[in-house]
Amino acid sequence: MTVILSATLRAEVANSRIASNIARSTAEVFAEKQGFSGNIAEFGHAFELSISEAFTNSVRHGNPSSDDAVVTLAFESATDALTVRVGDKNTPFNSQPPCPEITKYPESGFGLFIIGKLMDKVTCERDGMSNILTMTKRIGRS
């Protein structure tokens, strides 16, 4: 895989929109460059929404008052897939939370569930003091 874009943003809710716009644009350019015959806008939207969820989780569950409260994004390309790694220095989190009770219409708790539905592969790991959420989507599936 080849890193095609990296970005580091302050862990602030306002930057979630910037992060999701970067994700959508990067995904759409990647899909177009690879000759993706599917719906490029849908492919981009999957990344936009997934990054929005991941970034917001990093901010909400992190320590925004810290001077080093940042969220990093690293996009990597392969011939048939785009991967993004979202990193933060927050405390470890449970990457397998229980599915929210939909009948109770919760205000939160759907982030990882949504990401899992939009992406082809999602992993979470701890690397030293960092959480790394890795999301991959193949261009053959929209």
Protein backbone atom coordinates (compact mmCIF):
# COMPACT_ATOMS: atom_id res chain seq x y z
CA MET A 1 0.00 0.00 0.00
CA THR A 2 1.06 3.54 -0.69
CA VAL A 3 0.31 6.49 1.62
CA ILE A 4 -1.42 9.08 -0.55
CA LEU A 5 -2.45 11.64 2.08
CA SER A 6 -1.88 12.33 5.77
CA ALA A 7 -3.52 14.98 7.91
CA THR A 8 -3.33 15.93 11.57
CA LEU A 9 -6.17 17.96 13.04
CA ARG A 10 -6.81 19.35 16.52
CA ALA A 11 -9.28 17.15 18.38
CA GLU A 12 -12.16 19.63 18.20
CA VAL A 13 -15.72 18.86 17.11
CA ALA A 14 -15.55 21.71 14.57
CA ASN A 15 -12.75 19.86 12.76
CA SER A 16 -14.95 16.82 12.17
CA ARG A 17 -16.39 18.52 9.08
CA ILE A 18 -12.89 19.21 7.74
CA ALA A 19 -11.88 15.59 8.31
CA SER A 20 -14.99 14.21 6.62
CA ASN A 21 -14.57 16.55 3.63
CA ILE A 22 -10.96 15.41 3.26
CA ALA A 23 -12.13 11.79 3.38
CA ARG A 24 -14.88 12.24 0.78
CA SER A 25 -12.64 14.14 -1.63
CA THR A 26 -9.77 11.70 -1.26
CA ALA A 27 -12.06 8.70 -1.81
CA GLU A 28 -13.71 10.21 -4.87
CA VAL A 29 -10.39 11.15 -6.50
CA PHE A 30 -9.00 7.69 -5.73
CA ALA A 31 -12.06 5.93 -7.20
CA GLU A 32 -11.98 8.08 -10.32
CA LYS A 33 -8.25 7.53 -10.81
CA GLN A 34 -8.71 3.75 -10.44
CA GLY A 35 -11.46 3.73 -13.07
CA PHE A 36 -14.20 2.73 -10.63
CA SER A 37 -17.33 2.08 -12.66
CA GLY A 38 -19.71 2.25 -9.69
CA ASN A 39 -21.21 5.27 -8.01
CA ILE A 40 -18.21 7.42 -7.07
CA ALA A 41 -20.34 9.71 -4.89
CA GLU A 42 -21.54 6.73 -2.83
CA PHE A 43 -17.97 5.51 -2.42
CA GLY A 44 -16.93 8.97 -1.23
CA HIS A 45 -19.93 9.24 1.09
CA ALA A 46 -19.00 5.98 2.83
CA PHE A 47 -15.64 7.50 3.74
CA GLU A 48 -17.17 10.87 4.64
CA LEU A 49 -19.62 9.35 7.11
CA SER A 50 -17.12 6.84 8.54
CA ILE A 51 -14.50 9.52 9.19
CA SER A 52 -17.11 11.81 10.68
CA GLU A 53 -18.10 9.07 13.13
CA ALA A 54 -14.51 8.06 13.96
CA PHE A 55 -13.31 11.65 14.37
CA THR A 56 -16.26 12.61 16.56
CA ASN A 57 -15.67 9.55 18.76
CA SER A 58 -12.02 10.51 19.16
CA VAL A 59 -12.99 14.01 20.26
CA ARG A 60 -15.86 13.05 22.56
CA HIS A 61 -14.00 10.26 24.32
CA GLY A 62 -10.63 11.97 24.42
CA ASN A 63 -8.97 14.71 26.39
CA PRO A 64 -9.49 17.86 24.30
CA SER A 65 -7.87 20.13 26.89
CA SER A 66 -4.55 18.39 26.32
CA ASP A 67 -2.00 20.26 24.18
CA ASP A 68 -1.40 17.14 22.10
CA ALA A 69 -5.09 16.36 21.53
CA VAL A 70 -5.00 15.63 17.82
CA VAL A 71 -6.53 13.11 15.46
CA THR A 72 -4.45 11.83 12.57
CA LEU A 73 -5.73 10.52 9.26
CA ALA A 74 -3.58 8.49 6.90
CA PHE A 75 -4.99 7.32 3.57
CA GLU A 76 -3.33 4.39 1.81
CA SER A 77 -4.13 3.09 -1.64
CA ALA A 78 -3.92 -0.31 -3.18
CA THR A 79 -5.00 -1.26 -6.68
CA ASP A 80 -8.49 -2.27 -5.58
CA ALA A 81 -9.00 -0.59 -2.19
CA LEU A 82 -8.66 2.58 -0.17
CA THR A 83 -7.71 2.39 3.50
CA VAL A 84 -7.76 5.12 6.11
CA ARG A 85 -6.16 4.92 9.54
CA VAL A 86 -7.55 7.20 12.22
CA GLY A 87 -5.26 7.65 15.22
CA ASP A 88 -5.54 9.36 18.57
CA LYS A 89 -3.77 9.24 21.93
CA ASN A 90 -6.91 8.59 23.97
CA THR A 91 -7.35 5.81 26.47
CA PRO A 92 -8.07 2.39 24.95
CA PHE A 93 -11.69 1.78 23.99
CA ASN A 94 -13.92 -1.22 23.45
CA SER A 95 -14.05 -1.70 19.70
CA GLN A 96 -16.89 -4.23 20.05
CA PRO A 97 -19.59 -2.35 21.95
CA PRO A 98 -23.01 -3.94 22.23
CA CYS A 99 -25.42 -3.02 19.45
CA PRO A 100 -27.61 -0.11 20.61
CA GLU A 101 -31.22 -0.88 21.41
CA ILE A 102 -32.84 0.66 18.37
CA THR A 103 -36.32 0.63 19.88
CA LYS A 104 -35.12 3.07 22.57
CA TYR A 105 -33.84 5.52 19.90
CA PRO A 106 -30.53 6.28 21.59
CA GLU A 107 -28.76 9.54 20.80
CA SER A 108 -25.41 7.80 20.49
CA GLY A 109 -23.78 4.41 20.28
CA PHE A 110 -24.19 3.76 16.56
CA GLY A 111 -20.77 5.00 15.34
CA LEU A 112 -18.84 1.75 15.09
CA PHE A 113 -21.98 -0.06 13.97
CA ILE A 114 -22.40 2.39 11.06
CA ILE A 115 -18.72 2.24 10.15
CA GLY A 116 -18.89 -1.57 10.11
CA LYS A 117 -21.82 -1.47 7.69
CA LEU A 118 -20.17 1.03 5.32
CA MET A 119 -16.66 -0.41 5.16
CA ASP A 120 -15.46 -3.81 3.98
CA LYS A 121 -12.94 -4.25 6.78
CA VAL A 122 -12.60 -2.46 10.13
CA THR A 123 -9.95 -3.14 12.75
CA CYS A 124 -8.90 -1.41 15.92
CA GLU A 125 -5.56 -1.77 17.59
CA ARG A 126 -3.48 -0.16 20.26
CA ASP A 127 -0.02 0.99 19.15
CA GLY A 128 1.91 2.24 22.15
CA MET A 129 -0.18 5.08 23.53
CA SER A 130 -2.36 5.42 20.42
CA ASN A 131 -5.64 3.97 19.23
CA ILE A 132 -5.61 3.14 15.52
CA LEU A 133 -8.93 2.53 13.80
CA THR A 134 -8.31 1.13 10.31
CA MET A 135 -11.09 1.14 7.71
CA THR A 136 -10.84 -0.32 4.22
CA LYS A 137 -13.28 -0.23 1.31
CA ARG A 138 -12.73 -2.00 -1.99
CA ILE A 139 -13.65 -0.16 -5.16
CA GLY A 140 -15.44 -3.19 -6.52
CA ARG A 141 -18.23 -2.76 -3.95
CA SER A 142 -20.24 0.38 -3.26
